C-alpha atoms as a PDB file:
ATOM      1  CA  MET A   1     108.448 140.335 103.803  1.00  0.00           C
ATOM      2  CA  SER A   2     108.681 137.935 106.898  1.00  0.00           C
ATOM      3  CA  ILE A   3     107.477 137.671 110.201  1.00  0.00           C
ATOM      4  CA  ILE A   4     110.434 138.033 111.657  1.00  0.00           C
ATOM      5  CA  SER A   5     111.732 140.593 109.131  1.00  0.00           C
ATOM      6  CA  SER A   6     108.553 142.860 110.089  1.00  0.00           C
ATOM      7  CA  LYS A   7     109.453 142.492 113.461  1.00  0.00           C
ATOM      8  CA  ALA A   8     112.763 143.402 113.358  1.00  0.00           C
ATOM      9  CA  GLU A   9     111.958 146.499 111.104  1.00  0.00           C
ATOM     10  CA  HIS A  10     109.102 147.639 113.701  1.00  0.00           C
ATOM     11  CA  VAL A  11     111.372 147.425 116.931  1.00  0.00           C
ATOM     12  CA  TYR A  12     114.375 148.492 115.567  1.00  0.00           C
ATOM     13  CA  LYS A  13     113.696 151.243 113.264  1.00  0.00           C
ATOM     14  CA  GLY A  14     116.437 152.717 111.518  1.00  0.00           C
ATOM     15  CA  ASN A  15     119.023 150.583 113.159  1.00  0.00           C
ATOM     16  CA  ALA A  16     120.089 148.064 110.380  1.00  0.00           C
ATOM     17  CA  LEU A  17     122.594 146.039 112.643  1.00  0.00           C
ATOM     18  CA  MET A  18     120.179 145.612 115.246  1.00  0.00           C
ATOM     19  CA  GLN A  19     117.568 144.548 112.670  1.00  0.00           C
ATOM     20  CA  GLU A  20     119.976 142.079 111.239  1.00  0.00           C
ATOM     21  CA  ALA A  21     120.850 140.736 114.685  1.00  0.00           C
ATOM     22  CA  TYR A  22     117.515 140.285 115.364  1.00  0.00           C
ATOM     23  CA  ILE A  23     117.114 138.288 112.605  1.00  0.00           C
ATOM     24  CA  ALA A  24     119.881 136.299 113.115  1.00  0.00           C
ATOM     25  CA  GLY A  25     118.978 135.352 116.366  1.00  0.00           C
ATOM     26  CA  ALA A  26     115.019 134.657 115.522  1.00  0.00           C
ATOM     27  CA  SER A  27     115.833 132.179 112.790  1.00  0.00           C
ATOM     28  CA  ARG A  28     118.859 130.196 114.100  1.00  0.00           C
ATOM     29  CA  PRO A  29     117.996 126.641 114.672  1.00  0.00           C
ATOM     30  CA  PRO A  30     117.301 125.660 118.100  1.00  0.00           C
ATOM     31  CA  THR A  31     119.798 123.965 120.574  1.00  0.00           C
ATOM     32  CA  ASP A  32     118.917 120.575 121.961  1.00  0.00           C
ATOM     33  CA  GLU A  33     118.717 122.247 125.364  1.00  0.00           C
ATOM     34  CA  GLU A  34     115.700 124.361 123.790  1.00  0.00           C
ATOM     35  CA  ILE A  35     114.036 121.597 122.295  1.00  0.00           C
ATOM     36  CA  GLU A  36     113.800 118.939 125.088  1.00  0.00           C
ATOM     37  CA  ALA A  37     112.808 122.186 127.446  1.00  0.00           C
ATOM     38  CA  GLY A  38     109.929 122.817 125.200  1.00  0.00           C
ATOM     39  CA  ALA A  39     109.189 118.866 125.098  1.00  0.00           C
ATOM     40  CA  LYS A  40     109.331 118.735 128.765  1.00  0.00           C
ATOM     41  CA  ALA A  41     106.953 121.555 129.108  1.00  0.00           C
ATOM     42  CA  LEU A  42     104.484 119.723 126.290  1.00  0.00           C
ATOM     43  CA  TYR A  43     104.892 116.585 128.529  1.00  0.00           C
ATOM     44  CA  ASP A  44     103.857 118.359 131.373  1.00  0.00           C
ATOM     45  CA  ALA A  45     101.107 120.325 129.861  1.00  0.00           C
ATOM     46  CA  LEU A  46      99.522 117.224 128.380  1.00  0.00           C
ATOM     47  CA  ASN A  47     100.118 114.970 131.030  1.00  0.00           C
ATOM     48  CA  SER A  48      99.267 117.153 134.091  1.00  0.00           C
ATOM     49  CA  VAL A  49      96.742 114.433 135.568  1.00  0.00           C
ATOM     50  CA  CYS A  50      99.360 111.762 135.277  1.00  0.00           C
ATOM     51  CA  PHE A  51     101.706 110.569 137.894  1.00  0.00           C
ATOM     52  CA  PHE A  52     104.568 110.303 135.559  1.00  0.00           C
ATOM     53  CA  SER A  53     107.050 113.148 135.637  1.00  0.00           C
ATOM     54  CA  TRP A  54     109.095 113.907 132.657  1.00  0.00           C
ATOM     55  CA  GLU A  55     112.324 112.706 134.762  1.00  0.00           C
ATOM     56  CA  SER A  56     110.274 108.960 135.332  1.00  0.00           C
ATOM     57  CA  ALA A  57     109.352 108.867 131.935  1.00  0.00           C
ATOM     58  CA  ASP A  58     110.882 106.303 129.729  1.00  0.00           C
ATOM     59  CA  ARG A  59     113.039 106.908 127.040  1.00  0.00           C
ATOM     60  CA  ALA A  60     110.855 106.324 124.310  1.00  0.00           C
ATOM     61  CA  SER A  61     108.141 108.665 125.462  1.00  0.00           C
ATOM     62  CA  ARG A  62     110.756 111.437 125.765  1.00  0.00           C
ATOM     63  CA  ALA A  63     112.070 110.390 122.459  1.00  0.00           C
ATOM     64  CA  ASP A  64     108.482 110.992 121.130  1.00  0.00           C
ATOM     65  CA  TYR A  65     108.186 114.347 122.863  1.00  0.00           C
ATOM     66  CA  ILE A  66     111.560 115.736 121.315  1.00  0.00           C
ATOM     67  CA  ASP A  67     110.781 114.807 118.042  1.00  0.00           C
ATOM     68  CA  ALA A  68     107.166 116.181 118.025  1.00  0.00           C
ATOM     69  CA  MET A  69     109.114 119.535 119.730  1.00  0.00           C
ATOM     70  CA  ARG A  70     111.665 119.387 116.873  1.00  0.00           C
ATOM     71  CA  LEU A  71     109.038 119.169 114.242  1.00  0.00           C
ATOM     72  CA  ALA A  72     106.766 122.209 116.074  1.00  0.00           C
ATOM     73  CA  LEU A  73     109.878 124.510 116.128  1.00  0.00           C
ATOM     74  CA  LYS A  74     110.633 123.673 112.420  1.00  0.00           C
ATOM     75  CA  ALA A  75     107.145 124.721 111.663  1.00  0.00           C
ATOM     76  CA  ILE A  76     106.896 127.651 113.779  1.00  0.00           C
ATOM     77  CA  GLN A  77     110.564 128.855 112.112  1.00  0.00           C
ATOM     78  CA  GLY A  78     109.370 127.933 108.721  1.00  0.00           C
ATOM     79  CA  LYS A  79     106.046 130.435 109.162  1.00  0.00           C
ATOM     80  CA  ALA A  80     108.117 133.094 110.781  1.00  0.00           C
ATOM     81  CA  THR A  81     110.692 133.146 108.154  1.00  0.00           C
ATOM     82  CA  GLU A  82     107.983 132.613 104.696  1.00  0.00           C
ATOM     83  CA  GLU A  83     108.062 135.878 102.776  1.00  0.00           C
END
């Protein structure tokens, strides 16, 4: 049983419809906005002593963080959905 399925079963005991909805929501692909928000949070955390904000970071730097966040989220969802 996957982590997501186990969590759905635990939280929504006996309610198959809610379990199904939870699983669908938890396993959906992240939106571009969610990925960028995660990338910004990662950038801010790793560059807390830097004077360059996310907004002033160059396009290549932003793209690197966005790509890293896509990979991280793919790994997270892969782990959460594996049986």
